[in-house]
Amino acid sequence: MKVFKNPSVAECNAILKRPYNNVDAIESTVIQIFDDVKRQGDNALKKYTAIFDGVDLNEFWVSPEDIEIASENVSPDLKDAMTLAKSNITKFHKSQSSEIKKIETSPGVICWSEQRGIERVGLYIPGGTAPLFSTVLMLAIPAKLAGCKEIILFTPPKADGSITNEILYAAKLCGVTKIVKLGGIQAIAAMTFGTASISKVNKIFGPGNQFVTVAKQLATKYNVAIDMPAGPSELLVYADKSANPIYVASDLLSQAEHGPDSQVVLVSPDCDLISEVKDQLQIQIKKLSRQKIAEKALSNSKLLWVESQEEAIQIINEYAPEHLIVCATNEIEVCEKITNAGSVFVGNFSPESAGDYASGTNHTLPTNGFSKSYSGVNLSAFQKSISFQKLSKEGLLNIGKSIELMAEAEGLMGHKNAVSLRLKDI
């Protein structure tokens, strides 16, 4: 990792450019596959699964028997770990539910809003080199709590056509029974258009590689909502002399091992800490099973020395990281000034891994600077808010004249008339 000394915020925009491929090149591939799936349906899905996943599928759906067999092959200890994670994730997301609160905006005018679960949602669970069964918990739990009527889980098959045991058990643990063996662009296309065997969904959730991210964004052109653009993982650590360099290095590597296009960044006002972290990275990376992936990610990553905390905060908010770790003497003051981040981890004993698995917060988060305008997945992401109002005769009398005047000023006499007729009868 290269060290940059006291770069300006403007210079950091270039230094911290995400290591992504050209979106135009990716988009042309996505458009082609979308067009094929739209026209050829299941046949196109089978073709692209054979091309990208190396398996010929006769059936897209996972059978109940396969789910049971897979569940039996998950160790009791891991089942217990998932159960703990499910409990914490449930508690955190359940706390986000809101009671119906009726407000009398004027005498006789009652307004309120109610949440309704999105009827049909598609959950994308990445496979590849690291099947993310934890993402099943992060998406299925709030989907269930939100009251979504139909939850369909999509995940790429392995070379033998099966699905990772842990993914199937996590789905069973969350009460999800509709599981489709599809990944990549073709999975997003199936959710977008539907086929003879797979239903179109109303909203797509879940992280993925750059191709999946672009595919999700294209899906919005076909009246399918998405949670957010969520691509390759990223982490920024802000640490001062109070931080433990061993812990900081381990956190950077924990995200670097996600994939070669991941990016990790350390911002610090302490030169000695940066040097110690750099040494620790070389020591710890040798112990990783995914060493080559982490090494590639580190080649895209940066160590930034800054003169002040204020400069660091400016850089953080401009970069808008997916994950942010704050290890500083005045951690609360720093956190209060953070405006752009997907999820924040505070203190030496709050590794990003906690949020990935079991603390309770959601790990499906906006990347590539999208935390400037998007939130991570939460309960409301699976819901729609419907507003209601009920006016009594008194209520219409109280606001009727104002409605008439405003409607007339806009030249909408039908709007005015709908009120005038009622006021006349009252």
Protein backbone atom coordinates (compact mmCIF):
# COMPACT_ATOMS: atom_id res chain seq x y z
CA MET A 1 0.00 0.00 0.00
CA LYS A 2 1.33 3.40 -0.96
CA VAL A 3 1.58 6.19 1.63
CA PHE A 4 0.40 9.68 0.68
CA LYS A 5 1.50 12.55 2.92
CA ASN A 6 -0.92 15.36 3.62
CA PRO A 7 -2.96 15.27 0.39
CA SER A 8 -5.64 17.91 -0.12
CA VAL A 9 -9.29 16.89 -0.32
CA ALA A 10 -9.18 17.59 -4.06
CA GLU A 11 -6.09 15.39 -4.51
CA CYS A 12 -7.79 12.61 -2.56
CA ASN A 13 -10.54 12.40 -5.17
CA ALA A 14 -7.93 11.15 -7.63
CA ILE A 15 -5.92 9.14 -5.11
CA LEU A 16 -8.99 7.29 -3.82
CA LYS A 17 -10.62 6.61 -7.16
CA ARG A 18 -12.34 3.23 -6.93
CA PRO A 19 -10.66 0.43 -8.91
CA TYR A 20 -13.63 -0.33 -11.13
CA ASN A 21 -13.78 -1.36 -14.75
CA ASN A 22 -15.24 0.89 -17.42
CA VAL A 23 -18.99 0.97 -16.80
CA ASP A 24 -19.75 1.46 -20.50
CA ALA A 25 -18.09 -1.86 -21.34
CA ILE A 26 -19.99 -3.60 -18.54
CA GLU A 27 -23.28 -2.00 -19.54
CA SER A 28 -23.12 -3.34 -23.09
CA THR A 29 -22.81 -6.88 -21.74
CA VAL A 30 -25.66 -6.33 -19.29
CA ILE A 31 -27.95 -4.90 -21.99
CA GLN A 32 -27.29 -7.89 -24.27
CA ILE A 33 -28.10 -10.43 -21.56
CA PHE A 34 -31.19 -8.50 -20.46
CA ASP A 35 -32.42 -8.46 -24.05
CA ASP A 36 -31.85 -12.21 -24.42
CA VAL A 37 -33.68 -13.03 -21.18
CA LYS A 38 -36.57 -10.73 -22.11
CA ARG A 39 -37.00 -12.50 -25.46
CA GLN A 40 -35.99 -16.08 -24.70
CA GLY A 41 -36.87 -16.44 -21.01
CA ASP A 42 -35.79 -19.71 -19.41
CA ASN A 43 -33.72 -20.78 -22.42
CA ALA A 44 -31.55 -17.67 -22.06
CA LEU A 45 -31.17 -18.28 -18.33
CA LYS A 46 -29.94 -21.81 -18.98
CA LYS A 47 -27.54 -20.60 -21.68
CA TYR A 48 -25.90 -17.95 -19.52
CA THR A 49 -25.74 -20.23 -16.47
CA ALA A 50 -23.83 -22.73 -18.61
CA ILE A 51 -21.51 -19.98 -19.87
CA PHE A 52 -20.78 -18.20 -16.59
CA ASP A 53 -21.28 -20.91 -13.95
CA GLY A 54 -20.27 -23.95 -16.02
CA VAL A 55 -23.37 -25.97 -15.24
CA ASP A 56 -26.33 -27.17 -17.32
CA LEU A 57 -29.52 -26.76 -15.32
CA ASN A 58 -32.71 -28.72 -15.94
CA GLU A 59 -34.43 -27.13 -12.95
CA PHE A 60 -33.92 -23.65 -11.49
CA TRP A 61 -35.72 -24.21 -8.19
CA VAL A 62 -34.19 -25.82 -5.11
CA SER A 63 -36.38 -28.63 -3.81
CA PRO A 64 -37.54 -28.91 -0.18
CA GLU A 65 -35.60 -32.18 0.02
CA ASP A 66 -32.37 -30.44 -1.00
CA ILE A 67 -32.93 -27.82 1.70
CA GLU A 68 -33.37 -30.50 4.35
CA ILE A 69 -30.30 -32.46 3.23
CA ALA A 70 -28.18 -29.32 3.19
CA SER A 71 -29.37 -28.35 6.66
CA GLU A 72 -28.26 -31.70 8.04
CA ASN A 73 -24.75 -31.05 6.71
CA VAL A 74 -24.26 -27.79 8.63
CA SER A 75 -22.39 -28.21 11.91
CA PRO A 76 -24.26 -27.66 15.19
CA ASP A 77 -21.77 -24.96 16.20
CA LEU A 78 -22.36 -22.99 13.01
CA LYS A 79 -26.12 -23.39 13.43
CA ASP A 80 -25.80 -21.92 16.91
CA ALA A 81 -23.74 -19.03 15.55
CA MET A 82 -26.38 -18.31 12.91
CA THR A 83 -29.11 -18.47 15.54
CA LEU A 84 -27.30 -15.86 17.65
CA ALA A 85 -26.82 -13.66 14.59
CA LYS A 86 -30.48 -14.04 13.65
CA SER A 87 -31.55 -13.01 17.16
CA ASN A 88 -29.44 -9.84 17.11
CA ILE A 89 -30.38 -8.91 13.54
CA THR A 90 -34.05 -9.40 14.41
CA LYS A 91 -33.81 -7.22 17.52
CA PHE A 92 -32.10 -4.39 15.65
CA HIS A 93 -34.48 -4.36 12.69
CA LYS A 94 -37.58 -4.89 14.79
CA SER A 95 -36.67 -1.73 16.71
CA GLN A 96 -37.06 0.21 13.45
CA SER A 97 -40.79 -0.50 13.20
CA SER A 98 -43.03 2.47 13.88
CA GLU A 99 -46.46 2.65 15.46
CA ILE A 100 -49.35 4.24 13.62
CA LYS A 101 -49.64 7.81 14.86
CA LYS A 102 -52.69 9.81 13.91
CA ILE A 103 -52.22 13.58 13.76
CA GLU A 104 -55.00 16.19 13.80
CA THR A 105 -53.46 18.81 11.49
CA SER A 106 -56.53 21.04 11.84
CA PRO A 107 -59.74 20.48 13.85
CA GLY A 108 -61.57 17.67 12.10
CA VAL A 109 -58.65 16.78 9.77
CA ILE A 110 -56.96 13.52 10.77
CA CYS A 111 -53.85 12.28 8.91
CA TRP A 112 -51.70 9.22 9.41
CA SER A 113 -49.41 6.83 7.57
CA GLU A 114 -49.19 3.05 7.58
CA GLN A 115 -46.44 0.76 6.34
CA ARG A 116 -47.14 -2.14 4.01
CA GLY A 117 -44.61 -4.78 3.03
CA ILE A 118 -43.58 -4.82 -0.62
CA GLU A 119 -45.48 -7.79 -2.03
CA ARG A 120 -42.79 -9.61 -4.02
CA VAL A 121 -39.07 -9.15 -3.35
CA GLY A 122 -36.00 -10.81 -4.86
CA LEU A 123 -32.95 -11.37 -2.66
CA TYR A 124 -29.62 -11.73 -4.46
CA ILE A 125 -27.04 -13.74 -2.52
CA PRO A 126 -23.53 -13.71 -4.03
CA GLY A 127 -21.76 -17.03 -4.58
CA GLY A 128 -18.41 -17.23 -6.29
CA THR A 129 -15.28 -17.59 -4.19
CA ALA A 130 -17.07 -16.69 -0.92
CA PRO A 131 -20.75 -17.70 -0.75
CA LEU A 132 -22.25 -15.09 1.56
CA PHE A 133 -24.78 -17.03 3.62
CA SER A 134 -24.71 -14.16 6.12
CA THR A 135 -26.40 -12.00 3.49
CA VAL A 136 -29.38 -14.35 3.62
CA LEU A 137 -29.90 -13.34 7.25
CA MET A 138 -29.37 -9.65 6.49
CA LEU A 139 -32.03 -9.60 3.78
CA ALA A 140 -34.54 -12.30 4.69
CA ILE A 141 -35.00 -11.22 8.32
CA PRO A 142 -36.14 -7.62 7.60
CA ALA A 143 -38.16 -8.87 4.61
CA LYS A 144 -40.09 -11.17 6.91
CA LEU A 145 -40.49 -8.50 9.60
CA ALA A 146 -41.75 -6.04 6.98
CA GLY A 147 -44.51 -8.41 5.93
CA CYS A 148 -43.41 -9.10 2.34
CA LYS A 149 -45.81 -11.71 0.98
CA GLU A 150 -43.41 -13.43 -1.40
CA ILE A 151 -39.66 -13.68 -0.85
CA ILE A 152 -37.58 -15.30 -3.61
CA LEU A 153 -33.91 -15.96 -3.04
CA PHE A 154 -31.50 -16.08 -6.00
CA THR A 155 -27.97 -17.45 -5.72
CA PRO A 156 -25.54 -18.93 -8.27
CA PRO A 157 -25.09 -22.71 -8.39
CA LYS A 158 -21.80 -24.49 -7.89
CA ALA A 159 -20.21 -26.50 -10.71
CA ASP A 160 -22.26 -29.57 -9.74
CA GLY A 161 -25.52 -27.60 -9.84
CA SER A 162 -25.97 -27.51 -6.06
CA ILE A 163 -26.20 -24.58 -3.65
CA THR A 164 -23.88 -24.12 -0.69
CA ASN A 165 -25.27 -25.90 2.38
CA GLU A 166 -24.92 -22.84 4.60
CA ILE A 167 -26.96 -20.66 2.24
CA LEU A 168 -29.80 -23.18 2.18
CA TYR A 169 -29.76 -23.59 5.96
CA ALA A 170 -29.75 -19.81 6.51
CA ALA A 171 -32.78 -19.57 4.19
CA LYS A 172 -34.55 -22.30 6.14
CA LEU A 173 -33.71 -20.59 9.43
CA CYS A 174 -35.35 -17.40 8.13
CA GLY A 175 -38.40 -19.17 6.72
CA VAL A 176 -37.51 -18.65 3.04
CA THR A 177 -38.50 -21.64 0.89
CA LYS A 178 -38.40 -20.21 -2.65
CA ILE A 179 -34.80 -20.50 -3.80
CA VAL A 180 -33.60 -20.15 -7.40
CA LYS A 181 -30.27 -21.43 -8.74
CA LEU A 182 -29.33 -18.33 -10.68
CA GLY A 183 -26.57 -15.78 -10.30
CA GLY A 184 -25.01 -12.82 -12.02
CA ILE A 185 -26.65 -10.66 -14.66
CA GLN A 186 -29.06 -13.41 -15.67
CA ALA A 187 -30.48 -13.60 -12.14
CA ILE A 188 -31.16 -9.86 -12.09
CA ALA A 189 -32.73 -10.12 -15.56
CA ALA A 190 -35.00 -12.96 -14.37
CA MET A 191 -36.17 -10.84 -11.45
CA THR A 192 -36.72 -7.89 -13.78
CA PHE A 193 -38.76 -9.54 -16.54
CA GLY A 194 -39.93 -12.85 -15.12
CA THR A 195 -40.00 -16.01 -17.22
CA ALA A 196 -42.30 -19.01 -17.66
CA SER A 197 -40.91 -20.51 -14.45
CA ILE A 198 -39.84 -17.46 -12.42
CA SER A 199 -42.00 -14.57 -11.26
CA LYS A 200 -41.02 -10.94 -11.78
CA VAL A 201 -40.36 -9.12 -8.50
CA ASN A 202 -41.22 -5.61 -7.34
CA LYS A 203 -37.85 -4.85 -5.77
CA ILE A 204 -34.36 -6.36 -5.91
CA PHE A 205 -32.06 -6.54 -2.89
CA GLY A 206 -28.51 -7.66 -2.37
CA PRO A 207 -24.86 -6.92 -3.13
CA GLY A 208 -22.82 -8.24 -6.04
CA ASN A 209 -19.92 -7.61 -8.34
CA GLN A 210 -19.75 -4.76 -10.83
CA PHE A 211 -21.86 -6.66 -13.37
CA VAL A 212 -24.61 -7.29 -10.82
CA THR A 213 -24.52 -3.64 -9.72
CA VAL A 214 -24.92 -2.35 -13.28
CA ALA A 215 -27.65 -4.94 -13.92
CA LYS A 216 -29.59 -3.74 -10.88
CA GLN A 217 -29.35 -0.16 -12.07
CA LEU A 218 -30.61 -1.21 -15.52
CA ALA A 219 -33.54 -3.03 -13.86
CA THR A 220 -34.87 0.31 -12.64
CA LYS A 221 -35.57 1.26 -16.27
CA TYR A 222 -38.13 -1.54 -16.34
CA ASN A 223 -40.13 -0.41 -13.29
CA VAL A 224 -38.32 -2.65 -10.83
CA ALA A 225 -36.99 -0.94 -7.72
CA ILE A 226 -33.63 -1.74 -6.13
CA ASP A 227 -32.28 -1.30 -2.62
CA MET A 228 -29.18 0.65 -3.72
CA PRO A 229 -26.12 0.34 -5.95
CA ALA A 230 -24.03 -2.11 -3.91
CA GLY A 231 -20.83 -3.25 -5.59
CA PRO A 232 -17.36 -4.35 -4.46
CA SER A 233 -16.71 -3.92 -0.75
CA GLU A 234 -14.71 -1.04 0.74
CA LEU A 235 -13.46 0.10 4.13
CA LEU A 236 -11.94 3.31 5.45
CA VAL A 237 -10.28 3.36 8.86
CA TYR A 238 -9.66 6.62 10.71
CA ALA A 239 -7.15 5.98 13.50
CA ASP A 240 -4.97 8.11 15.74
CA LYS A 241 -2.26 7.17 18.25
CA SER A 242 -4.88 5.52 20.50
CA ALA A 243 -5.51 2.81 17.91
CA ASN A 244 -3.95 -0.63 17.99
CA PRO A 245 -1.99 -1.09 14.72
CA ILE A 246 -2.45 -4.87 14.87
CA TYR A 247 -6.22 -4.44 14.97
CA VAL A 248 -6.19 -1.79 12.23
CA ALA A 249 -4.21 -4.04 9.89
CA SER A 250 -6.55 -6.95 10.57
CA ASP A 251 -9.57 -4.78 9.73
CA LEU A 252 -8.03 -3.63 6.45
CA LEU A 253 -7.26 -7.21 5.48
CA SER A 254 -10.73 -8.41 6.45
CA GLN A 255 -12.17 -6.29 3.67
CA ALA A 256 -9.28 -6.74 1.23
CA GLU A 257 -9.97 -10.47 1.14
CA HIS A 258 -13.49 -9.89 -0.22
CA GLY A 259 -12.23 -9.50 -3.75
CA PRO A 260 -9.47 -8.08 -5.95
CA ASP A 261 -11.62 -5.03 -6.70
CA SER A 262 -12.19 -4.22 -3.03
CA GLN A 263 -10.58 -1.06 -1.67
CA VAL A 264 -9.31 -0.36 1.85
CA VAL A 265 -7.99 2.96 3.12
CA LEU A 266 -6.28 4.14 6.29
CA VAL A 267 -6.42 7.83 7.20
CA SER A 268 -4.33 8.89 10.18
CA PRO A 269 -2.58 11.94 11.68
CA ASP A 270 0.06 9.62 13.17
CA CYS A 271 3.02 8.68 10.94
CA ASP A 272 4.25 6.05 13.38
CA LEU A 273 0.87 4.32 13.36
CA ILE A 274 0.84 4.23 9.56
CA SER A 275 4.29 2.66 9.52
CA GLU A 276 3.32 0.06 12.11
CA VAL A 277 0.12 -0.81 10.24
CA LYS A 278 2.07 -1.19 7.01
CA ASP A 279 4.42 -3.66 8.72
CA GLN A 280 1.51 -5.56 10.24
CA LEU A 281 -0.17 -5.93 6.86
CA GLN A 282 2.87 -7.77 5.54
CA ILE A 283 2.93 -10.06 8.58
CA GLN A 284 -0.78 -10.86 8.73
CA ILE A 285 -1.49 -11.25 5.02
CA LYS A 286 0.73 -14.34 4.88
CA LYS A 287 -1.67 -16.14 7.20
CA LEU A 288 -4.75 -15.61 5.02
CA SER A 289 -6.24 -18.39 2.93
CA ARG A 290 -7.21 -15.73 0.37
CA GLN A 291 -3.77 -14.09 0.35
CA LYS A 292 -3.56 -13.49 -3.40
CA ILE A 293 -7.00 -11.84 -3.48
CA ALA A 294 -6.06 -9.61 -0.54
CA GLU A 295 -2.74 -8.70 -2.17
CA LYS A 296 -4.53 -7.60 -5.33
CA ALA A 297 -6.97 -5.50 -3.29
CA LEU A 298 -4.12 -3.89 -1.36
CA SER A 299 -2.58 -2.78 -4.64
CA ASN A 300 -5.71 -0.61 -5.07
CA SER A 301 -5.59 0.65 -1.52
CA LYS A 302 -4.03 3.66 0.19
CA LEU A 303 -2.48 4.91 3.43
CA LEU A 304 -3.09 8.62 3.97
CA TRP A 305 -1.20 10.76 6.46
CA VAL A 306 -3.07 13.96 7.33
CA GLU A 307 -2.13 16.87 9.58
CA SER A 308 -5.42 17.25 11.41
CA GLN A 309 -8.61 15.55 12.41
CA GLU A 310 -10.66 18.11 10.48
CA GLU A 311 -8.82 17.24 7.26
CA ALA A 312 -9.48 13.57 7.91
CA ILE A 313 -13.21 14.19 8.39
CA GLN A 314 -13.37 16.16 5.14
CA ILE A 315 -11.70 13.28 3.30
CA ILE A 316 -14.03 10.72 4.89
CA ASN A 317 -17.19 12.62 3.99
CA GLU A 318 -16.01 13.19 0.43
CA TYR A 319 -15.01 9.55 -0.04
CA ALA A 320 -18.28 8.37 1.60
CA PRO A 321 -17.13 4.86 2.53
CA GLU A 322 -19.33 1.80 2.71
CA HIS A 323 -17.71 0.87 6.05
CA LEU A 324 -15.99 3.32 8.39
CA ILE A 325 -14.00 2.39 11.48
CA VAL A 326 -13.20 5.19 13.94
CA CYS A 327 -10.45 4.51 16.48
CA ALA A 328 -9.67 7.87 18.04
CA THR A 329 -9.25 9.45 21.43
CA ASN A 330 -12.24 11.70 20.79
CA GLU A 331 -14.28 9.14 18.86
CA ILE A 332 -17.67 10.68 19.71
CA GLU A 333 -16.65 14.07 18.35
CA VAL A 334 -15.45 12.45 15.13
CA CYS A 335 -18.62 10.40 14.72
CA GLU A 336 -20.84 13.45 15.20
CA LYS A 337 -19.17 15.08 12.18
CA ILE A 338 -19.56 12.08 9.87
CA THR A 339 -22.27 12.78 7.28
CA ASN A 340 -21.48 10.16 4.63
CA ALA A 341 -20.92 6.51 5.52
CA GLY A 342 -22.84 3.28 5.17
CA SER A 343 -22.06 1.84 8.61
CA VAL A 344 -19.72 3.12 11.33
CA PHE A 345 -17.74 1.01 13.82
CA VAL A 346 -16.53 2.87 16.89
CA GLY A 347 -13.50 1.98 19.01
CA ASN A 348 -10.71 -0.58 19.09
CA PHE A 349 -13.05 -3.45 19.88
CA SER A 350 -15.60 -2.87 17.11
CA PRO A 351 -14.25 -4.77 14.10
CA GLU A 352 -16.12 -4.42 10.83
CA SER A 353 -16.60 -8.19 10.94
CA ALA A 354 -19.09 -7.69 13.79
CA GLY A 355 -21.44 -5.83 11.48
CA ASP A 356 -20.89 -8.37 8.71
CA TYR A 357 -22.19 -11.17 10.88
CA ALA A 358 -23.69 -10.84 14.29
CA SER A 359 -23.90 -7.43 15.99
CA GLY A 360 -27.36 -6.85 14.50
CA THR A 361 -26.84 -4.02 12.00
CA ASN A 362 -27.25 -4.74 8.30
CA HIS A 363 -24.22 -5.37 6.11
CA THR A 364 -25.92 -4.61 2.78
CA LEU A 365 -24.61 -1.09 2.29
CA PRO A 366 -24.05 1.53 -0.44
CA THR A 367 -20.61 1.52 -2.06
CA ASN A 368 -18.75 3.69 -4.57
CA GLY A 369 -19.65 6.90 -2.73
CA PHE A 370 -23.40 6.23 -2.84
CA SER A 371 -23.63 6.64 0.93
CA LYS A 372 -23.91 10.35 0.13
CA SER A 373 -27.48 9.69 -0.96
CA TYR A 374 -28.41 6.10 -0.01
CA SER A 375 -28.91 4.32 3.28
CA GLY A 376 -28.00 0.73 3.97
CA VAL A 377 -30.74 -1.88 3.96
CA ASN A 378 -33.17 -1.48 6.85
CA LEU A 379 -36.73 -2.43 7.68
CA SER A 380 -38.26 0.46 5.76
CA ALA A 381 -36.44 -0.65 2.59
CA PHE A 382 -38.88 -3.55 2.42
CA GLN A 383 -41.93 -1.39 3.04
CA LYS A 384 -44.02 1.28 1.41
CA SER A 385 -45.55 4.09 3.40
CA ILE A 386 -49.18 4.83 2.54
CA SER A 387 -50.69 8.07 3.79
CA PHE A 388 -54.29 8.34 4.95
CA GLN A 389 -56.59 11.22 5.83
CA LYS A 390 -60.13 11.51 7.11
CA LEU A 391 -62.02 14.82 7.19
CA SER A 392 -65.20 15.48 9.11
CA LYS A 393 -67.64 18.19 8.07
CA GLU A 394 -65.90 20.49 10.53
CA GLY A 395 -62.54 19.57 9.03
CA LEU A 396 -63.61 20.42 5.48
CA LEU A 397 -65.10 23.70 6.68
CA ASN A 398 -61.79 24.58 8.33
CA ILE A 399 -59.57 24.04 5.28
CA GLY A 400 -62.08 24.11 2.41
CA LYS A 401 -61.72 27.81 1.57
CA SER A 402 -57.94 27.49 1.39
CA ILE A 403 -58.25 24.52 -0.96
CA GLU A 404 -60.63 26.44 -3.22
CA LEU A 405 -58.32 29.46 -3.41
CA MET A 406 -55.23 27.38 -4.16
CA ALA A 407 -56.99 25.23 -6.78
CA GLU A 408 -58.40 28.29 -8.52
CA ALA A 409 -54.97 29.96 -8.54
CA GLU A 410 -53.55 26.91 -10.31
CA GLY A 411 -56.43 26.90 -12.81
CA LEU A 412 -57.72 23.52 -11.66
CA MET A 413 -61.41 24.22 -11.36
CA GLY A 414 -62.34 20.56 -11.06
CA HIS A 415 -60.30 20.41 -7.87
CA LYS A 416 -62.10 23.49 -6.57
CA ASN A 417 -65.50 22.12 -7.53
CA ALA A 418 -64.92 18.86 -5.62
CA VAL A 419 -64.66 20.97 -2.46
CA SER A 420 -67.27 23.62 -3.31
CA LEU A 421 -70.03 21.02 -3.81
CA ARG A 422 -69.39 19.55 -0.39
CA LEU A 423 -69.16 22.95 1.33
CA LYS A 424 -72.49 23.86 -0.20
CA ASP A 425 -74.15 20.74 1.25
CA ILE A 426 -72.57 21.35 4.64
